[in-house]
Protein backbone atom coordinates (compact mmCIF):
# COMPACT_ATOMS: atom_id res chain seq x y z
CA UNK A 1 3.21 -22.91 1.38
CA UNK A 2 4.46 -19.34 2.12
CA UNK A 3 1.97 -16.50 2.39
CA UNK A 4 1.78 -14.73 -0.99
CA UNK A 5 1.76 -10.94 -1.47
CA UNK A 6 -1.87 -11.18 -2.58
CA UNK A 7 -2.74 -13.00 0.67
CA UNK A 8 -1.28 -10.15 2.74
CA UNK A 9 -3.30 -7.59 0.79
CA UNK A 10 -6.54 -9.54 1.04
CA UNK A 11 -6.02 -10.08 4.78
CA UNK A 12 -5.69 -6.32 5.27
CA UNK A 13 -8.87 -5.77 3.26
CA UNK A 14 -10.65 -8.40 5.38
CA UNK A 15 -9.51 -6.53 8.48
CA UNK A 16 -10.75 -3.24 6.99
CA UNK A 17 -14.09 -4.87 6.25
CA UNK A 18 -14.32 -6.18 9.83
CA UNK A 19 -13.62 -2.66 11.14
CA UNK A 20 -16.33 -1.20 8.90
CA UNK A 21 -18.83 -3.80 10.16
CA UNK A 22 -17.86 -3.00 13.76
CA UNK A 23 -18.47 0.69 13.11
CA UNK A 24 -21.91 -0.02 11.72
CA UNK A 25 -23.56 2.96 10.09
CA UNK A 26 -22.95 5.99 12.32
CA UNK A 27 -24.31 9.33 11.24
CA UNK A 28 -21.73 11.12 9.12
CA UNK A 29 -22.69 14.37 10.84
CA UNK A 30 -21.75 13.11 14.33
CA UNK A 31 -18.14 12.78 15.47
CA UNK A 32 -17.74 9.60 17.48
CA UNK A 33 -15.40 6.65 17.75
CA UNK A 34 -17.38 4.64 15.19
CA UNK A 35 -16.64 7.25 12.54
CA UNK A 36 -12.94 7.05 13.44
CA UNK A 37 -13.13 3.26 13.02
CA UNK A 38 -14.31 3.90 9.45
CA UNK A 39 -11.34 6.21 8.96
CA UNK A 40 -9.02 3.49 10.26
CA UNK A 41 -10.56 1.04 7.82
CA UNK A 42 -9.75 3.48 4.99
CA UNK A 43 -6.11 3.60 6.11
CA UNK A 44 -6.00 -0.23 6.05
CA UNK A 45 -7.28 -0.14 2.46
CA UNK A 46 -4.23 1.91 1.49
CA UNK A 47 -1.99 -0.35 3.55
CA UNK A 48 -3.19 -3.33 1.51
CA UNK A 49 -1.69 -1.81 -1.65
CA UNK A 50 1.55 -0.84 0.08
CA UNK A 51 1.96 -4.25 1.72
CA UNK A 52 1.25 -6.05 -1.54
CA UNK A 53 4.00 -4.12 -3.33
CA UNK A 54 6.45 -4.34 -0.43
CA UNK A 55 6.16 -8.13 -0.40
CA UNK A 56 6.18 -8.61 -4.15
CA UNK A 57 9.06 -6.22 -4.77
CA UNK A 58 11.23 -7.71 -2.02
CA UNK A 59 10.70 -11.25 -3.29
CA UNK A 60 11.18 -10.23 -6.90
CA UNK A 61 14.39 -8.36 -6.15
CA UNK A 62 15.88 -11.39 -4.45
CA UNK A 63 14.85 -13.74 -7.26
CA UNK A 64 15.25 -11.74 -10.46
CA UNK A 65 16.10 -8.04 -10.38
CA UNK A 66 14.53 -5.83 -13.03
CA UNK A 67 16.46 -2.88 -14.45
CA UNK A 68 14.47 -0.56 -12.17
CA UNK A 69 15.12 -2.75 -9.13
CA UNK A 70 18.87 -2.58 -9.74
CA UNK A 71 18.63 1.19 -9.23
CA UNK A 72 16.76 0.87 -5.90
CA UNK A 73 18.67 2.67 -3.13
CA UNK A 74 19.56 1.10 0.20
CA UNK A 75 21.79 2.56 2.95
CA UNK A 76 25.46 1.97 2.24
CA UNK A 77 26.10 1.18 5.91
CA UNK A 78 23.68 -1.77 5.70
CA UNK A 79 25.48 -3.10 2.62
CA UNK A 80 28.83 -2.73 4.38
CA UNK A 81 27.50 -4.66 7.39
CA UNK A 82 26.29 -7.43 5.05
CA UNK A 83 29.69 -7.68 3.36
CA UNK A 84 31.51 -7.71 6.74
CA UNK A 85 29.22 -10.49 8.00
CA UNK A 86 29.92 -12.55 4.90
CA UNK A 87 33.69 -12.04 5.09
CA UNK A 88 33.75 -12.96 8.79
CA UNK A 89 31.94 -16.24 8.20
CA UNK A 90 31.85 -17.28 4.55
CA UNK A 91 30.53 -20.77 5.19
CA UNK A 92 27.83 -19.91 7.73
CA UNK A 93 26.62 -16.50 6.60
CA UNK A 94 23.48 -16.08 4.54
CA UNK A 95 23.99 -12.81 2.66
CA UNK A 96 20.74 -13.08 0.69
CA UNK A 97 18.76 -13.25 3.94
CA UNK A 98 20.56 -10.12 5.12
CA UNK A 99 19.91 -8.47 1.73
CA UNK A 100 16.22 -9.34 2.03
CA UNK A 101 16.11 -7.63 5.43
CA UNK A 102 17.89 -4.56 4.04
CA UNK A 103 15.40 -4.34 1.17
CA UNK A 104 12.47 -4.82 3.55
CA UNK A 105 13.59 -1.98 5.84
CA UNK A 106 14.17 0.32 2.85
CA UNK A 107 10.72 -0.50 1.45
CA UNK A 108 9.08 0.43 4.77
CA UNK A 109 10.00 4.03 3.95
CA UNK A 110 8.38 3.81 0.51
CA UNK A 111 4.72 4.13 -0.44
CA UNK A 112 3.11 2.58 -3.49
CA UNK A 113 -0.26 4.27 -3.12
CA UNK A 114 -1.50 6.62 -5.82
CA UNK A 115 -1.11 6.15 -9.56
CA UNK A 116 2.49 7.40 -9.89
CA UNK A 117 3.68 5.25 -7.01
CA UNK A 118 1.86 2.20 -8.40
CA UNK A 119 3.71 2.78 -11.68
CA UNK A 120 7.01 2.91 -9.79
CA UNK A 121 6.15 -0.30 -7.94
CA UNK A 122 5.30 -2.12 -11.15
CA UNK A 123 8.59 -0.93 -12.64
CA UNK A 124 10.49 -2.36 -9.68
CA UNK A 125 9.02 -5.80 -10.40
CA UNK A 126 9.67 -5.46 -14.13
CA UNK A 127 6.04 -5.17 -15.29
CA UNK A 128 5.40 -2.97 -18.34
CA UNK A 129 2.39 -1.99 -20.46
CA UNK A 130 -0.02 -2.43 -17.58
CA UNK A 131 -2.68 0.29 -17.77
CA UNK A 132 -4.53 -1.20 -20.75
CA UNK A 133 -4.41 -4.65 -19.17
CA UNK A 134 -5.70 -3.28 -15.86
CA UNK A 135 -8.39 -1.41 -17.77
CA UNK A 136 -9.61 -4.64 -19.36
CA UNK A 137 -9.62 -6.49 -16.03
CA UNK A 138 -11.42 -3.75 -14.10
CA UNK A 139 -13.74 -2.53 -16.86
CA UNK A 140 -12.61 1.06 -16.36
CA UNK A 141 -10.51 3.43 -18.41
CA UNK A 142 -6.87 3.93 -17.37
CA UNK A 143 -7.74 7.55 -16.51
CA UNK A 144 -10.55 6.44 -14.19
CA UNK A 145 -8.29 3.90 -12.46
CA UNK A 146 -5.58 6.51 -11.91
CA UNK A 147 -8.08 9.05 -10.58
CA UNK A 148 -9.51 6.46 -8.17
CA UNK A 149 -6.03 5.56 -6.89
CA UNK A 150 -5.11 9.22 -6.44
CA UNK A 151 -8.35 10.08 -4.63
CA UNK A 152 -7.95 7.07 -2.33
CA UNK A 153 -4.37 8.07 -1.53
CA UNK A 154 -5.26 11.72 -0.92
CA UNK A 155 -8.02 10.76 1.51
CA UNK A 156 -5.72 8.28 3.26
CA UNK A 157 -3.16 11.07 3.73
CA UNK A 158 -5.80 13.46 5.10
CA UNK A 159 -6.74 10.83 7.67
CA UNK A 160 -3.29 9.49 8.55
CA UNK A 161 -1.34 12.75 8.46
CA UNK A 162 -3.92 15.39 9.39
CA UNK A 163 -6.62 13.65 11.41
CA UNK A 164 -9.24 14.26 8.67
CA UNK A 165 -9.88 17.83 9.78
CA UNK A 166 -11.82 20.14 7.49
CA UNK A 167 -9.70 23.25 7.01
CA UNK A 168 -11.20 26.62 7.92
CA UNK A 169 -9.62 30.04 8.36
CA UNK A 170 -9.46 30.80 12.08
CA UNK A 171 -11.87 28.05 13.21
CA UNK A 172 -13.67 28.33 16.54
CA UNK A 173 -14.34 24.60 16.81
CA UNK A 174 -13.13 21.33 15.29
CA UNK A 175 -14.61 20.34 11.95
CA UNK A 176 -14.03 16.94 10.33
CA UNK A 177 -14.49 15.64 6.81
CA UNK A 178 -17.40 13.25 6.67
CA UNK A 179 -16.98 9.57 5.94
CA UNK A 180 -19.68 6.93 5.76
CA UNK A 181 -19.92 3.18 5.69
CA UNK A 182 -21.06 3.00 2.06
CA UNK A 183 -17.98 4.78 0.71
CA UNK A 184 -15.65 2.66 2.85
CA UNK A 185 -17.36 -0.56 1.69
CA UNK A 186 -17.10 0.60 -1.93
CA UNK A 187 -13.39 1.38 -1.53
CA UNK A 188 -12.68 -2.03 -0.01
CA UNK A 189 -14.53 -3.77 -2.83
CA UNK A 190 -12.82 -1.75 -5.57
CA UNK A 191 -9.38 -2.29 -4.05
CA UNK A 192 -9.94 -6.07 -3.90
CA UNK A 193 -10.51 -6.06 -7.64
CA UNK A 194 -7.57 -3.73 -8.27
CA UNK A 195 -5.08 -5.82 -6.30
CA UNK A 196 -6.28 -9.06 -7.91
CA UNK A 197 -5.82 -7.41 -11.31
CA UNK A 198 -2.30 -6.26 -10.35
CA UNK A 199 -1.50 -9.77 -9.17
CA UNK A 200 -2.45 -11.15 -12.59
CA UNK A 201 0.11 -8.96 -14.37
C-alpha cells in the first residue's frame, strides 16, 4: 500500500521527536549544539504540515481537480515539454506521470504553514467549511487554532531564515531567542493532533 500523506507528516513528527530526545534538556540560557537540535526539530514540525499538503494536493490534483486546483500555476515550459513528449510517443508516453512531477516541483516552492496558507492548501484539495470542524476535533476555537499556526510558522521562519537571532540595535555580541524542550515537545504533540484532524476533513 502506498505511503499516505498522513504517514509522511507523522514520520517527520517522529523524527522531530527523536531530535528533541537527542537534545535532552539543555539550559535555554546556554548556546550549544543541543539547543540548535531543538531548533531543527521545530523546523521539522513545520515541514510535517508542508509535506502533508504537498502530497495530498499533488495526489488530489491528479485524481480530481477542485476549482482552486485548476487555477494552480505551473511553468509553461514544463507543460510544453509534457505535450512534446506525448506527441513524440503517444503510445508509450505517460503524461499524467509527467504532470505529477510538474505539480510536485511547483509545490516545492509553496508553503502551507500558517493559517492563511493552510486555508489555501485546503482550497486546493476542495475542502470547505473546515474551521468549525477543526475546532470540534481539537477542542479549541478557530481563532486559537489560527493563532497557534501563525506563531509556529513565525518561529519556524525566525529559525530557518534568520538563525533565531534576537535583534538588537548595534549588538556587541550574538544573542539568540531561547527555546526549550518542553515547548518543542508541546508543538510536536499539538501538530500531531492538528494534522490528524486535517486528514479527517
